[in-house]
Amino acid sequence: QVRLVESGGGLVQAGGSLRLSCARSGSIFSSNTMGWYRQAPGKQRELVAAITSGGSIYYADSVKDRFTISRDNAKNTVYLQMNSLKPEDTAVYYCNSKSPMGSEYWGQGTQVTVSS
């Protein structure tokens, strides 16, 4: 049973930083593409950043130069370092895992609130 557990969300002032973590268990981590999505109230869930097993990285334009995604295969964990946070970054952030065979899993989500 694959399980994704996020941590690190919270309340921060604009301009501040947070680091999200997502620990994956249940199967081989290193072969999966890991991603962070977010969903703000009344909006669709959107991809924020993703990192493949080979280390290729994608960022949404809205977070480029502010957010950094990384992974530690030895710890089965993916991170999202968020700097220079803005009120519009407020959302529930979800960890996502996709296997080469197409299996997909989601974490329970962690709330990030940025006050102005």
PDB file of N, CA and C in Angstrom:
ATOM      1  N   GLN A   1       0.845  -1.181   0.000  1.00  0.00           N
ATOM      2  CA  GLN A   1       0.000   0.000   0.000  1.00  0.00           C
ATOM      3  C   GLN A   1       0.888   1.241   0.000  1.00  0.00           C
ATOM      4  N   VAL A   2       0.785   2.044  -1.068  1.00  0.00           N
ATOM      5  CA  VAL A   2       1.563   3.276  -1.144  1.00  0.00           C
ATOM      6  C   VAL A   2       0.909   4.336  -0.282  1.00  0.00           C
ATOM      7  N   ARG A   3       1.750   5.061   0.434  1.00  0.00           N
ATOM      8  CA  ARG A   3       1.242   6.120   1.292  1.00  0.00           C
ATOM      9  C   ARG A   3       2.137   7.338   1.153  1.00  0.00           C
ATOM     10  N   LEU A   4       1.518   8.516   1.039  1.00  0.00           N
ATOM     11  CA  LEU A   4       2.241   9.780   0.971  1.00  0.00           C
ATOM     12  C   LEU A   4       1.810  10.624   2.166  1.00  0.00           C
ATOM     13  N   VAL A   5       2.771  11.118   2.924  1.00  0.00           N
ATOM     14  CA  VAL A   5       2.472  11.916   4.110  1.00  0.00           C
ATOM     15  C   VAL A   5       3.197  13.245   3.998  1.00  0.00           C
ATOM     16  N   GLU A   6       2.418  14.319   3.911  1.00  0.00           N
ATOM     17  CA  GLU A   6       2.991  15.659   3.801  1.00  0.00           C
ATOM     18  C   GLU A   6       3.130  16.289   5.179  1.00  0.00           C
ATOM     19  N   SER A   7       4.078  17.200   5.277  1.00  0.00           N
ATOM     20  CA  SER A   7       4.250  17.989   6.493  1.00  0.00           C
ATOM     21  C   SER A   7       4.911  19.306   6.121  1.00  0.00           C
ATOM     22  N   GLY A   8       4.834  20.261   7.036  1.00  0.00           N
ATOM     23  CA  GLY A   8       5.549  21.515   6.854  1.00  0.00           C
ATOM     24  C   GLY A   8       4.691  22.711   6.516  1.00  0.00           C
ATOM     25  N   GLY A   9       3.397  22.519   6.325  1.00  0.00           N
ATOM     26  CA  GLY A   9       2.543  23.656   6.046  1.00  0.00           C
ATOM     27  C   GLY A   9       2.363  24.524   7.280  1.00  0.00           C
ATOM     28  N   GLY A  10       1.691  25.660   7.086  1.00  0.00           N
ATOM     29  CA  GLY A  10       1.443  26.547   8.207  1.00  0.00           C
ATOM     30  C   GLY A  10       1.096  27.943   7.761  1.00  0.00           C
ATOM     31  N   LEU A  11       1.158  28.850   8.710  1.00  0.00           N
ATOM     32  CA  LEU A  11       0.850  30.261   8.473  1.00  0.00           C
ATOM     33  C   LEU A  11       2.145  31.057   8.466  1.00  0.00           C
ATOM     34  N   VAL A  12       2.316  31.874   7.451  1.00  0.00           N
ATOM     35  CA  VAL A  12       3.528  32.670   7.336  1.00  0.00           C
ATOM     36  C   VAL A  12       3.164  34.027   6.745  1.00  0.00           C
ATOM     37  N   GLN A  13       3.946  35.034   7.085  1.00  0.00           N
ATOM     38  CA  GLN A  13       3.725  36.358   6.508  1.00  0.00           C
ATOM     39  C   GLN A  13       4.285  36.428   5.091  1.00  0.00           C
ATOM     40  N   ALA A  14       3.735  37.321   4.302  1.00  0.00           N
ATOM     41  CA  ALA A  14       4.247  37.532   2.952  1.00  0.00           C
ATOM     42  C   ALA A  14       5.750  37.835   3.009  1.00  0.00           C
ATOM     43  N   GLY A  15       6.471  37.207   2.080  1.00  0.00           N
ATOM     44  CA  GLY A  15       7.922  37.349   2.061  1.00  0.00           C
ATOM     45  C   GLY A  15       8.650  36.274   2.833  1.00  0.00           C
ATOM     46  N   GLY A  16       7.912  35.496   3.602  1.00  0.00           N
ATOM     47  CA  GLY A  16       8.512  34.444   4.394  1.00  0.00           C
ATOM     48  C   GLY A  16       8.738  33.160   3.619  1.00  0.00           C
ATOM     49  N   SER A  17       9.178  32.144   4.342  1.00  0.00           N
ATOM     50  CA  SER A  17       9.517  30.860   3.727  1.00  0.00           C
ATOM     51  C   SER A  17       8.885  29.700   4.486  1.00  0.00           C
ATOM     52  N   LEU A  18       8.633  28.635   3.764  1.00  0.00           N
ATOM     53  CA  LEU A  18       8.207  27.369   4.337  1.00  0.00           C
ATOM     54  C   LEU A  18       8.853  26.242   3.543  1.00  0.00           C
ATOM     55  N   ARG A  19       9.032  25.116   4.199  1.00  0.00           N
ATOM     56  CA  ARG A  19       9.541  23.938   3.517  1.00  0.00           C
ATOM     57  C   ARG A  19       8.576  22.791   3.725  1.00  0.00           C
ATOM     58  N   LEU A  20       8.034  22.303   2.641  1.00  0.00           N
ATOM     59  CA  LEU A  20       7.137  21.156   2.692  1.00  0.00           C
ATOM     60  C   LEU A  20       7.931  19.867   2.464  1.00  0.00           C
ATOM     61  N   SER A  21       7.518  18.820   3.146  1.00  0.00           N
ATOM     62  CA  SER A  21       8.114  17.500   2.965  1.00  0.00           C
ATOM     63  C   SER A  21       7.014  16.497   2.649  1.00  0.00           C
ATOM     64  N   CYS A  22       7.362  15.495   1.866  1.00  0.00           N
ATOM     65  CA  CYS A  22       6.429  14.422   1.548  1.00  0.00           C
ATOM     66  C   CYS A  22       7.193  13.105   1.606  1.00  0.00           C
ATOM     67  N   ALA A  23       6.824  12.295   2.565  1.00  0.00           N
ATOM     68  CA  ALA A  23       7.463  10.993   2.728  1.00  0.00           C
ATOM     69  C   ALA A  23       6.595   9.927   2.069  1.00  0.00           C
ATOM     70  N   ARG A  24       7.221   9.119   1.221  1.00  0.00           N
ATOM     71  CA  ARG A  24       6.501   8.076   0.491  1.00  0.00           C
ATOM     72  C   ARG A  24       6.915   6.714   0.999  1.00  0.00           C
ATOM     73  N   SER A  25       5.938   5.849   1.195  1.00  0.00           N
ATOM     74  CA  SER A  25       6.216   4.478   1.612  1.00  0.00           C
ATOM     75  C   SER A  25       5.374   3.511   0.789  1.00  0.00           C
ATOM     76  N   GLY A  26       5.798   2.275   0.733  1.00  0.00           N
ATOM     77  CA  GLY A  26       4.981   1.245   0.130  1.00  0.00           C
ATOM     78  C   GLY A  26       5.511   0.652  -1.144  1.00  0.00           C
ATOM     79  N   SER A  27       6.408   1.352  -1.822  1.00  0.00           N
ATOM     80  CA  SER A  27       6.992   0.766  -3.024  1.00  0.00           C
ATOM     81  C   SER A  27       8.254   1.555  -3.364  1.00  0.00           C
ATOM     82  N   ILE A  28       8.869   1.177  -4.464  1.00  0.00           N
ATOM     83  CA  ILE A  28      10.123   1.833  -4.834  1.00  0.00           C
ATOM     84  C   ILE A  28       9.881   3.311  -5.131  1.00  0.00           C
ATOM     85  N   PHE A  29      10.649   4.164  -4.457  1.00  0.00           N
ATOM     86  CA  PHE A  29      10.471   5.606  -4.583  1.00  0.00           C
ATOM     87  C   PHE A  29      11.237   6.170  -5.765  1.00  0.00           C
ATOM     88  N   SER A  30      12.429   5.635  -5.980  1.00  0.00           N
ATOM     89  CA  SER A  30      13.361   6.303  -6.888  1.00  0.00           C
ATOM     90  C   SER A  30      12.883   6.331  -8.327  1.00  0.00           C
ATOM     91  N   SER A  31      12.013   5.407  -8.727  1.00  0.00           N
ATOM     92  CA  SER A  31      11.584   5.346 -10.127  1.00  0.00           C
ATOM     93  C   SER A  31      10.383   6.231 -10.419  1.00  0.00           C
ATOM     94  N   ASN A  32       9.841   6.860  -9.399  1.00  0.00           N
ATOM     95  CA  ASN A  32       8.627   7.656  -9.549  1.00  0.00           C
ATOM     96  C   ASN A  32       8.914   9.126  -9.818  1.00  0.00           C
ATOM     97  N   THR A  33       8.010   9.743 -10.588  1.00  0.00           N
ATOM     98  CA  THR A  33       7.991  11.194 -10.693  1.00  0.00           C
ATOM     99  C   THR A  33       7.192  11.732  -9.507  1.00  0.00           C
ATOM    100  N   MET A  34       7.776  12.676  -8.806  1.00  0.00           N
ATOM    101  CA  MET A  34       7.127  13.260  -7.638  1.00  0.00           C
ATOM    102  C   MET A  34       6.754  14.698  -7.951  1.00  0.00           C
ATOM    103  N   GLY A  35       5.579  15.095  -7.501  1.00  0.00           N
ATOM    104  CA  GLY A  35       5.136  16.442  -7.777  1.00  0.00           C
ATOM    105  C   GLY A  35       4.400  17.067  -6.613  1.00  0.00           C
ATOM    106  N   TRP A  36       4.351  18.380  -6.645  1.00  0.00           N
ATOM    107  CA  TRP A  36       3.551  19.147  -5.698  1.00  0.00           C
ATOM    108  C   TRP A  36       2.477  19.894  -6.485  1.00  0.00           C
ATOM    109  N   TYR A  37       1.242  19.735  -6.037  1.00  0.00           N
ATOM    110  CA  TYR A  37       0.102  20.456  -6.588  1.00  0.00           C
ATOM    111  C   TYR A  37      -0.469  21.343  -5.492  1.00  0.00           C
ATOM    112  N   ARG A  38      -1.275  22.301  -5.894  1.00  0.00           N
ATOM    113  CA  ARG A  38      -1.976  23.114  -4.900  1.00  0.00           C
ATOM    114  C   ARG A  38      -3.383  23.436  -5.400  1.00  0.00           C
ATOM    115  N   GLN A  39      -4.244  23.656  -4.430  1.00  0.00           N
ATOM    116  CA  GLN A  39      -5.624  24.015  -4.752  1.00  0.00           C
ATOM    117  C   GLN A  39      -6.093  25.092  -3.796  1.00  0.00           C
ATOM    118  N   ALA A  40      -6.389  26.235  -4.366  1.00  0.00           N
ATOM    119  CA  ALA A  40      -6.926  27.351  -3.589  1.00  0.00           C
ATOM    120  C   ALA A  40      -8.449  27.274  -3.616  1.00  0.00           C
ATOM    121  N   PRO A  41      -9.116  27.893  -2.646  1.00  0.00           N
ATOM    122  CA  PRO A  41     -10.577  27.851  -2.599  1.00  0.00           C
ATOM    123  C   PRO A  41     -11.189  28.374  -3.895  1.00  0.00           C
ATOM    124  N   GLY A  42     -12.097  27.592  -4.462  1.00  0.00           N
ATOM    125  CA  GLY A  42     -12.784  27.999  -5.675  1.00  0.00           C
ATOM    126  C   GLY A  42     -11.980  27.846  -6.948  1.00  0.00           C
ATOM    127  N   LYS A  43     -10.791  27.271  -6.847  1.00  0.00           N
ATOM    128  CA  LYS A  43      -9.943  27.123  -8.030  1.00  0.00           C
ATOM    129  C   LYS A  43      -9.623  25.649  -8.262  1.00  0.00           C
ATOM    130  N   GLN A  44      -9.179  25.361  -9.499  1.00  0.00           N
ATOM    131  CA  GLN A  44      -8.781  23.996  -9.817  1.00  0.00           C
ATOM    132  C   GLN A  44      -7.410  23.686  -9.233  1.00  0.00           C
ATOM    133  N   ARG A  45      -7.196  22.415  -9.019  1.00  0.00           N
ATOM    134  CA  ARG A  45      -5.888  21.994  -8.562  1.00  0.00           C
ATOM    135  C   ARG A  45      -4.884  22.208  -9.693  1.00  0.00           C
ATOM    136  N   GLU A  46      -3.718  22.744  -9.350  1.00  0.00           N
ATOM    137  CA  GLU A  46      -2.709  23.043 -10.353  1.00  0.00           C
ATOM    138  C   GLU A  46      -1.361  22.461  -9.952  1.00  0.00           C
ATOM    139  N   LEU A  47      -0.587  22.094 -10.971  1.00  0.00           N
ATOM    140  CA  LEU A  47       0.758  21.584 -10.738  1.00  0.00           C
ATOM    141  C   LEU A  47       1.686  22.749 -10.424  1.00  0.00           C
ATOM    142  N   VAL A  48       2.396  22.644  -9.326  1.00  0.00           N
ATOM    143  CA  VAL A  48       3.337  23.674  -8.907  1.00  0.00           C
ATOM    144  C   VAL A  48       4.758  23.320  -9.339  1.00  0.00           C
ATOM    145  N   ALA A  49       5.166  22.097  -9.060  1.00  0.00           N
ATOM    146  CA  ALA A  49       6.525  21.662  -9.391  1.00  0.00           C
ATOM    147  C   ALA A  49       6.558  20.142  -9.448  1.00  0.00           C
ATOM    148  N   ALA A  50       7.478  19.616 -10.244  1.00  0.00           N
ATOM    149  CA  ALA A  50       7.630  18.164 -10.342  1.00  0.00           C
ATOM    150  C   ALA A  50       9.083  17.821 -10.599  1.00  0.00           C
ATOM    151  N   ILE A  51       9.477  16.629 -10.157  1.00  0.00           N
ATOM    152  CA  ILE A  51      10.841  16.154 -10.381  1.00  0.00           C
ATOM    153  C   ILE A  51      10.784  14.687 -10.773  1.00  0.00           C
ATOM    154  N   THR A  52      11.444  14.355 -11.869  1.00  0.00           N
ATOM    155  CA  THR A  52      11.419  12.981 -12.349  1.00  0.00           C
ATOM    156  C   THR A  52      12.475  12.143 -11.648  1.00  0.00           C
ATOM    157  N   SER A  53      12.449  10.847 -11.944  1.00  0.00           N
ATOM    158  CA  SER A  53      13.444   9.954 -11.354  1.00  0.00           C
ATOM    159  C   SER A  53      14.843  10.316 -11.837  1.00  0.00           C
ATOM    160  N   GLY A  54      14.935  10.894 -13.023  1.00  0.00           N
ATOM    161  CA  GLY A  54      16.236  11.279 -13.549  1.00  0.00           C
ATOM    162  C   GLY A  54      16.674  12.663 -13.137  1.00  0.00           C
ATOM    163  N   GLY A  55      15.832  13.359 -12.390  1.00  0.00           N
ATOM    164  CA  GLY A  55      16.208  14.678 -11.891  1.00  0.00           C
ATOM    165  C   GLY A  55      15.729  15.847 -12.736  1.00  0.00           C
ATOM    166  N   SER A  56      14.974  15.585 -13.792  1.00  0.00           N
ATOM    167  CA  SER A  56      14.411  16.694 -14.560  1.00  0.00           C
ATOM    168  C   SER A  56      13.347  17.386 -13.721  1.00  0.00           C
ATOM    169  N   ILE A  57      13.312  18.712 -13.836  1.00  0.00           N
ATOM    170  CA  ILE A  57      12.445  19.511 -12.964  1.00  0.00           C
ATOM    171  C   ILE A  57      11.560  20.427 -13.788  1.00  0.00           C
ATOM    172  N   TYR A  58      10.317  20.556 -13.314  1.00  0.00           N
ATOM    173  CA  TYR A  58       9.357  21.486 -13.905  1.00  0.00           C
ATOM    174  C   TYR A  58       8.846  22.410 -12.805  1.00  0.00           C
ATOM    175  N   TYR A  59       8.689  23.688 -13.164  1.00  0.00           N
ATOM    176  CA  TYR A  59       8.052  24.653 -12.265  1.00  0.00           C
ATOM    177  C   TYR A  59       6.957  25.401 -13.023  1.00  0.00           C
ATOM    178  N   ALA A  60       5.868  25.657 -12.341  1.00  0.00           N
ATOM    179  CA  ALA A  60       4.872  26.569 -12.889  1.00  0.00           C
ATOM    180  C   ALA A  60       5.489  27.961 -12.963  1.00  0.00           C
ATOM    181  N   ASP A  61       5.083  28.739 -13.942  1.00  0.00           N
ATOM    182  CA  ASP A  61       5.644  30.081 -14.103  1.00  0.00           C
ATOM    183  C   ASP A  61       5.458  30.932 -12.849  1.00  0.00           C
ATOM    184  N   SER A  62       4.353  30.710 -12.148  1.00  0.00           N
ATOM    185  CA  SER A  62       4.030  31.545 -10.992  1.00  0.00           C
ATOM    186  C   SER A  62       4.979  31.339  -9.815  1.00  0.00           C
ATOM    187  N   VAL A  63       5.740  30.245  -9.828  1.00  0.00           N
ATOM    188  CA  VAL A  63       6.619  29.963  -8.678  1.00  0.00           C
ATOM    189  C   VAL A  63       8.090  29.902  -9.061  1.00  0.00           C
ATOM    190  N   LYS A  64       8.386  30.056 -10.347  1.00  0.00           N
ATOM    191  CA  LYS A  64       9.791  30.008 -10.774  1.00  0.00           C
ATOM    192  C   LYS A  64      10.599  31.052 -10.036  1.00  0.00           C
ATOM    193  N   ASP A  65      11.802  30.694  -9.663  1.00  0.00           N
ATOM    194  CA  ASP A  65      12.755  31.557  -8.950  1.00  0.00           C
ATOM    195  C   ASP A  65      12.375  31.788  -7.504  1.00  0.00           C
ATOM    196  N   ARG A  66      11.267  31.212  -7.041  1.00  0.00           N
ATOM    197  CA  ARG A  66      10.882  31.326  -5.636  1.00  0.00           C
ATOM    198  C   ARG A  66      10.810  29.971  -4.937  1.00  0.00           C
ATOM    199  N   PHE A  67      10.387  28.954  -5.663  1.00  0.00           N
ATOM    200  CA  PHE A  67      10.233  27.613  -5.101  1.00  0.00           C
ATOM    201  C   PHE A  67      11.311  26.689  -5.649  1.00  0.00           C
ATOM    202  N   THR A  68      11.726  25.720  -4.827  1.00  0.00           N
ATOM    203  CA  THR A  68      12.699  24.718  -5.255  1.00  0.00           C
ATOM    204  C   THR A  68      12.224  23.338  -4.836  1.00  0.00           C
ATOM    205  N   ILE A  69      12.123  22.439  -5.812  1.00  0.00           N
ATOM    206  CA  ILE A  69      11.762  21.061  -5.511  1.00  0.00           C
ATOM    207  C   ILE A  69      13.025  20.208  -5.503  1.00  0.00           C
ATOM    208  N   SER A  70      13.061  19.250  -4.584  1.00  0.00           N
ATOM    209  CA  SER A  70      14.204  18.345  -4.521  1.00  0.00           C
ATOM    210  C   SER A  70      13.728  17.008  -3.970  1.00  0.00           C
ATOM    211  N   ARG A  71      14.556  15.996  -4.130  1.00  0.00           N
ATOM    212  CA  ARG A  71      14.194  14.678  -3.631  1.00  0.00           C
ATOM    213  C   ARG A  71      15.414  14.009  -3.012  1.00  0.00           C
ATOM    214  N   ASP A  72      15.153  13.196  -2.018  1.00  0.00           N
ATOM    215  CA  ASP A  72      16.188  12.406  -1.363  1.00  0.00           C
ATOM    216  C   ASP A  72      15.730  10.952  -1.465  1.00  0.00           C
ATOM    217  N   ASN A  73      16.279  10.230  -2.436  1.00  0.00           N
ATOM    218  CA  ASN A  73      15.834   8.853  -2.663  1.00  0.00           C
ATOM    219  C   ASN A  73      16.167   7.942  -1.484  1.00  0.00           C
ATOM    220  N   ALA A  74      17.225   8.251  -0.771  1.00  0.00           N
ATOM    221  CA  ALA A  74      17.592   7.429   0.385  1.00  0.00           C
ATOM    222  C   ALA A  74      16.556   7.544   1.496  1.00  0.00           C
ATOM    223  N   LYS A  75      15.876   8.702   1.553  1.00  0.00           N
ATOM    224  CA  LYS A  75      14.858   8.923   2.590  1.00  0.00           C
ATOM    225  C   LYS A  75      13.439   8.803   2.049  1.00  0.00           C
ATOM    226  N   ASN A  76      13.320   8.454   0.743  1.00  0.00           N
ATOM    227  CA  ASN A  76      11.989   8.352   0.115  1.00  0.00           C
ATOM    228  C   ASN A  76      11.167   9.613   0.340  1.00  0.00           C
ATOM    229  N   THR A  77      11.799  10.741   0.189  1.00  0.00           N
ATOM    230  CA  THR A  77      11.158  12.016   0.519  1.00  0.00           C
ATOM    231  C   THR A  77      11.394  13.040  -0.584  1.00  0.00           C
ATOM    232  N   VAL A  78      10.359  13.826  -0.842  1.00  0.00           N
ATOM    233  CA  VAL A  78      10.466  14.948  -1.756  1.00  0.00           C
ATOM    234  C   VAL A  78      10.161  16.219  -0.969  1.00  0.00           C
ATOM    235  N   TYR A  79      10.844  17.303  -1.322  1.00  0.00           N
ATOM    236  CA  TYR A  79      10.723  18.555  -0.605  1.00  0.00           C
ATOM    237  C   TYR A  79      10.282  19.668  -1.554  1.00  0.00           C
ATOM    238  N   LEU A  80       9.653  20.675  -0.964  1.00  0.00           N
ATOM    239  CA  LEU A  80       9.360  21.895  -1.706  1.00  0.00           C
ATOM    240  C   LEU A  80       9.743  23.064  -0.813  1.00  0.00           C
ATOM    241  N   GLN A  81      10.852  23.706  -1.165  1.00  0.00           N
ATOM    242  CA  GLN A  81      11.281  24.903  -0.456  1.00  0.00           C
ATOM    243  C   GLN A  81      10.587  26.091  -1.089  1.00  0.00           C
ATOM    244  N   MET A  82       9.849  26.830  -0.293  1.00  0.00           N
ATOM    245  CA  MET A  82       9.075  27.963  -0.800  1.00  0.00           C
ATOM    246  C   MET A  82       9.585  29.249  -0.157  1.00  0.00           C
ATOM    247  N   ASN A  83      10.135  30.118  -0.966  1.00  0.00           N
ATOM    248  CA  ASN A  83      10.662  31.400  -0.496  1.00  0.00           C
ATOM    249  C   ASN A  83       9.853  32.549  -1.092  1.00  0.00           C
ATOM    250  N   SER A  84      10.013  33.710  -0.506  1.00  0.00           N
ATOM    251  CA  SER A  84       9.321  34.910  -1.000  1.00  0.00           C
ATOM    252  C   SER A  84       7.837  34.643  -1.209  1.00  0.00           C
ATOM    253  N   LEU A  85       7.224  34.052  -0.219  1.00  0.00           N
ATOM    254  CA  LEU A  85       5.818  33.656  -0.348  1.00  0.00           C
ATOM    255  C   LEU A  85       4.911  34.873  -0.483  1.00  0.00           C
ATOM    256  N   LYS A  86       3.856  34.673  -1.268  1.00  0.00           N
ATOM    257  CA  LYS A  86       2.880  35.714  -1.539  1.00  0.00           C
ATOM    258  C   LYS A  86       1.497  35.246  -1.079  1.00  0.00           C
ATOM    259  N   PRO A  87       0.607  36.178  -0.792  1.00  0.00           N
ATOM    260  CA  PRO A  87      -0.755  35.769  -0.397  1.00  0.00           C
ATOM    261  C   PRO A  87      -1.409  34.845  -1.427  1.00  0.00           C
ATOM    262  N   GLU A  88      -1.095  35.032  -2.688  1.00  0.00           N
ATOM    263  CA  GLU A  88      -1.692  34.180  -3.723  1.00  0.00           C
ATOM    264  C   GLU A  88      -1.130  32.758  -3.726  1.00  0.00           C
ATOM    265  N   ASP A  89      -0.121  32.487  -2.917  1.00  0.00           N
ATOM    266  CA  ASP A  89       0.365  31.121  -2.752  1.00  0.00           C
ATOM    267  C   ASP A  89      -0.477  30.342  -1.749  1.00  0.00           C
ATOM    268  N   THR A  90      -1.401  31.018  -1.084  1.00  0.00           N
ATOM    269  CA  THR A  90      -2.262  30.359  -0.113  1.00  0.00           C
ATOM    270  C   THR A  90      -3.094  29.277  -0.786  1.00  0.00           C
ATOM    271  N   ALA A  91      -2.994  28.066  -0.257  1.00  0.00           N
ATOM    272  CA  ALA A  91      -3.694  26.917  -0.847  1.00  0.00           C
ATOM    273  C   ALA A  91      -3.429  25.685   0.003  1.00  0.00           C
ATOM    274  N   VAL A  92      -4.147  24.621  -0.309  1.00  0.00           N
ATOM    275  CA  VAL A  92      -3.782  23.307   0.209  1.00  0.00           C
ATOM    276  C   VAL A  92      -2.805  22.694  -0.792  1.00  0.00           C
ATOM    277  N   TYR A  93      -1.669  22.267  -0.288  1.00  0.00           N
ATOM    278  CA  TYR A  93      -0.624  21.700  -1.133  1.00  0.00           C
ATOM    279  C   TYR A  93      -0.661  20.171  -1.000  1.00  0.00           C
ATOM    280  N   TYR A  94      -0.651  19.518  -2.165  1.00  0.00           N
ATOM    281  CA  TYR A  94      -0.742  18.061  -2.221  1.00  0.00           C
ATOM    282  C   TYR A  94       0.502  17.468  -2.857  1.00  0.00           C
ATOM    283  N   CYS A  95       0.971  16.404  -2.289  1.00  0.00           N
ATOM    284  CA  CYS A  95       2.061  15.634  -2.860  1.00  0.00           C
ATOM    285  C   CYS A  95       1.481  14.581  -3.802  1.00  0.00           C
ATOM    286  N   ASN A  96       2.165  14.363  -4.904  1.00  0.00           N
ATOM    287  CA  ASN A  96       1.700  13.408  -5.910  1.00  0.00           C
ATOM    288  C   ASN A  96       2.848  12.509  -6.343  1.00  0.00           C
ATOM    289  N   SER A  97       2.526  11.245  -6.573  1.00  0.00           N
ATOM    290  CA  SER A  97       3.518  10.282  -7.028  1.00  0.00           C
ATOM    291  C   SER A  97       2.981   9.537  -8.243  1.00  0.00           C
ATOM    292  N   LYS A  98       3.787   9.471  -9.297  1.00  0.00           N
ATOM    293  CA  LYS A  98       3.386   8.754 -10.498  1.00  0.00           C
ATOM    294  C   LYS A  98       4.472   7.759 -10.864  1.00  0.00           C
ATOM    295  N   SER A  99       4.057   6.484 -11.051  1.00  0.00           N
ATOM    296  CA  SER A  99       5.021   5.452 -11.397  1.00  0.00           C
ATOM    297  C   SER A  99       5.161   5.361 -12.916  1.00  0.00           C
ATOM    298  N   PRO A 100       6.247   4.760 -13.399  1.00  0.00           N
ATOM    299  CA  PRO A 100       6.394   4.579 -14.855  1.00  0.00           C
ATOM    300  C   PRO A 100       5.263   3.752 -15.467  1.00  0.00           C
ATOM    301  N   MET A 101       4.598   2.923 -14.654  1.00  0.00           N
ATOM    302  CA  MET A 101       3.500   2.087 -15.147  1.00  0.00           C
ATOM    303  C   MET A 101       2.168   2.821 -15.117  1.00  0.00           C
ATOM    304  N   GLY A 102       2.153   4.057 -14.607  1.00  0.00           N
ATOM    305  CA  GLY A 102       0.930   4.842 -14.610  1.00  0.00           C
ATOM    306  C   GLY A 102       0.172   4.906 -13.305  1.00  0.00           C
ATOM    307  N   SER A 103       0.639   4.214 -12.280  1.00  0.00           N
ATOM    308  CA  SER A 103      -0.027   4.299 -10.977  1.00  0.00           C
ATOM    309  C   SER A 103       0.197   5.685 -10.395  1.00  0.00           C
ATOM    310  N   GLU A 104      -0.856   6.226  -9.771  1.00  0.00           N
ATOM    311  CA  GLU A 104      -0.780   7.583  -9.244  1.00  0.00           C
ATOM    312  C   GLU A 104      -1.349   7.613  -7.831  1.00  0.00           C
ATOM    313  N   TYR A 105      -0.676   8.341  -6.965  1.00  0.00           N
ATOM    314  CA  TYR A 105      -1.108   8.437  -5.574  1.00  0.00           C
ATOM    315  C   TYR A 105      -1.026   9.885  -5.110  1.00  0.00           C
ATOM    316  N   TRP A 106      -1.879  10.196  -4.112  1.00  0.00           N
ATOM    317  CA  TRP A 106      -1.941  11.545  -3.565  1.00  0.00           C
ATOM    318  C   TRP A 106      -1.801  11.509  -2.046  1.00  0.00           C
ATOM    319  N   GLY A 107      -1.193  12.551  -1.519  1.00  0.00           N
ATOM    320  CA  GLY A 107      -1.181  12.744  -0.088  1.00  0.00           C
ATOM    321  C   GLY A 107      -2.475  13.393   0.365  1.00  0.00           C
ATOM    322  N   GLN A 108      -2.585  13.602   1.666  1.00  0.00           N
ATOM    323  CA  GLN A 108      -3.815  14.143   2.236  1.00  0.00           C
ATOM    324  C   GLN A 108      -3.882  15.664   2.131  1.00  0.00           C
ATOM    325  N   GLY A 109      -2.771  16.295   1.834  1.00  0.00           N
ATOM    326  CA  GLY A 109      -2.731  17.745   1.703  1.00  0.00           C
ATOM    327  C   GLY A 109      -2.280  18.439   2.976  1.00  0.00           C
ATOM    328  N   THR A 110      -1.619  19.577   2.789  1.00  0.00           N
ATOM    329  CA  THR A 110      -1.198  20.394   3.919  1.00  0.00           C
ATOM    330  C   THR A 110      -1.504  21.859   3.587  1.00  0.00           C
ATOM    331  N   GLN A 111      -2.057  22.563   4.546  1.00  0.00           N
ATOM    332  CA  GLN A 111      -2.498  23.938   4.321  1.00  0.00           C
ATOM    333  C   GLN A 111      -1.318  24.905   4.430  1.00  0.00           C
ATOM    334  N   VAL A 112      -1.217  25.771   3.442  1.00  0.00           N
ATOM    335  CA  VAL A 112      -0.257  26.875   3.468  1.00  0.00           C
ATOM    336  C   VAL A 112      -1.064  28.169   3.390  1.00  0.00           C
ATOM    337  N   THR A 113      -0.878  29.019   4.378  1.00  0.00           N
ATOM    338  CA  THR A 113      -1.580  30.305   4.412  1.00  0.00           C
ATOM    339  C   THR A 113      -0.555  31.420   4.517  1.00  0.00           C
ATOM    340  N   VAL A 114      -0.622  32.352   3.568  1.00  0.00           N
ATOM    341  CA  VAL A 114       0.312  33.477   3.545  1.00  0.00           C
ATOM    342  C   VAL A 114      -0.480  34.744   3.804  1.00  0.00           C
ATOM    343  N   SER A 115      -0.153  35.419   4.884  1.00  0.00           N
ATOM    344  CA  SER A 115      -0.865  36.644   5.242  1.00  0.00           C
ATOM    345  C   SER A 115      -0.158  37.857   4.666  1.00  0.00           C
ATOM    346  N   SER A 116      -0.948  38.855   4.334  1.00  0.00           N
ATOM    347  CA  SER A 116      -0.375  40.068   3.732  1.00  0.00           C
ATOM    348  C   SER A 116       0.009  41.085   4.795  1.00  0.00           C
TER     349      SER A 116
END
